[in-house]
Amino acid sequence: MNKVILLIAIVGFASAFRAGTLSNLWSAWKIQHKKTYTSAEEIIRFGIFVENLNKVSRLNSENTDAKFALNKFADLTATEFKLKHATGGF
């Protein structure tokens, strides 16, 4: 029983630590890229940011020939990026 409680405590701490880390990354990213949002939009953009951060982490773990990182577009979905920044192809 004590092992189960310890495991739950560790998982809870790890989740809280990750949430705090994500919040810090988000805040620093917004400052770096001079981004501001309404309260409602903040929630949506943060979710997209986290999805893009997870994608960058996955791509970096799968690829040794390239280094992926967040940029000023990390608050956009792929569709939003294509609509706003389409260049017409190469």
Protein backbone atom coordinates (compact mmCIF):
# COMPACT_ATOMS: atom_id res chain seq x y z
CA MET A 1 0.00 0.00 0.00
CA ASN A 2 2.80 2.44 0.89
CA LYS A 3 4.46 1.75 -2.48
CA VAL A 4 1.24 2.69 -4.28
CA ILE A 5 0.97 5.94 -2.32
CA LEU A 6 4.62 6.71 -3.05
CA LEU A 7 4.12 6.02 -6.75
CA ILE A 8 1.05 8.29 -6.85
CA ALA A 9 3.01 11.03 -5.06
CA ILE A 10 5.91 10.72 -7.51
CA VAL A 11 3.60 10.84 -10.53
CA GLY A 12 1.80 13.84 -9.06
CA PHE A 13 5.07 15.64 -8.39
CA ALA A 14 6.35 14.89 -11.89
CA SER A 15 3.12 16.21 -13.42
CA ALA A 16 3.26 19.37 -11.32
CA PHE A 17 6.95 19.83 -12.17
CA ARG A 18 6.25 19.41 -15.89
CA ALA A 19 3.29 21.82 -15.69
CA GLY A 20 5.50 24.38 -13.94
CA THR A 21 8.26 23.85 -16.49
CA LEU A 22 5.82 24.20 -19.38
CA SER A 23 4.41 27.36 -17.85
CA ASN A 24 7.92 28.80 -17.52
CA LEU A 25 8.80 27.86 -21.11
CA TRP A 26 5.55 29.39 -22.34
CA SER A 27 6.15 32.63 -20.44
CA ALA A 28 9.73 32.92 -21.69
CA TRP A 29 8.66 32.13 -25.27
CA LYS A 30 5.93 34.81 -25.17
CA ILE A 31 8.41 37.39 -23.91
CA GLN A 32 11.04 36.42 -26.49
CA HIS A 33 8.56 36.66 -29.36
CA LYS A 34 6.53 39.60 -27.95
CA LYS A 35 3.25 37.65 -27.94
CA THR A 36 0.16 38.69 -26.00
CA TYR A 37 -3.31 37.15 -25.99
CA THR A 38 -6.76 37.61 -24.55
CA SER A 39 -7.53 35.25 -21.67
CA ALA A 40 -9.56 32.90 -23.88
CA GLU A 41 -6.97 32.88 -26.66
CA GLU A 42 -4.15 32.29 -24.15
CA ILE A 43 -5.59 28.88 -23.26
CA ILE A 44 -5.90 27.86 -26.91
CA ARG A 45 -2.43 29.13 -27.88
CA PHE A 46 -0.82 27.45 -24.87
CA GLY A 47 -2.35 24.11 -25.91
CA ILE A 48 -1.00 24.51 -29.45
CA PHE A 49 2.40 25.51 -28.04
CA VAL A 50 2.51 22.32 -25.93
CA GLU A 51 1.53 20.19 -28.94
CA ASN A 52 4.29 21.79 -31.01
CA LEU A 53 6.79 21.34 -28.17
CA ASN A 54 5.89 17.64 -28.00
CA LYS A 55 6.30 17.37 -31.78
CA VAL A 56 9.75 19.02 -31.60
CA SER A 57 10.78 16.62 -28.81
CA ARG A 58 9.56 13.62 -30.80
CA LEU A 59 11.31 14.75 -33.98
CA ASN A 60 14.57 15.32 -32.10
CA SER A 61 14.39 11.85 -30.56
CA GLU A 62 13.74 10.25 -33.98
CA ASN A 63 16.36 12.22 -35.96
CA THR A 64 20.07 12.49 -35.38
CA ASP A 65 20.78 14.36 -38.62
CA ALA A 66 18.71 17.44 -37.73
CA LYS A 67 17.96 19.59 -34.71
CA PHE A 68 14.40 20.83 -34.30
CA ALA A 69 13.39 23.75 -32.06
CA LEU A 70 10.48 26.06 -31.36
CA ASN A 71 10.36 29.33 -33.25
CA LYS A 72 8.08 32.37 -33.44
CA PHE A 73 5.35 30.22 -35.01
CA ALA A 74 5.06 27.74 -32.11
CA ASP A 75 1.62 29.11 -31.19
CA LEU A 76 0.14 28.24 -34.60
CA THR A 77 -1.32 25.00 -35.86
CA ALA A 78 0.07 23.65 -39.15
CA THR A 79 -3.10 24.79 -40.91
CA GLU A 80 -2.87 28.31 -39.47
CA PHE A 81 0.76 28.53 -40.49
CA LYS A 82 -0.02 27.44 -44.05
CA LEU A 83 -2.89 29.94 -44.34
CA LYS A 84 -0.88 32.86 -42.97
CA HIS A 85 2.57 32.11 -44.39
CA ALA A 86 2.09 30.12 -47.59
CA THR A 87 4.74 31.05 -50.13
CA GLY A 88 3.34 29.17 -53.08
CA GLY A 89 5.79 26.32 -52.86
CA PHE A 90 9.36 25.80 -53.95
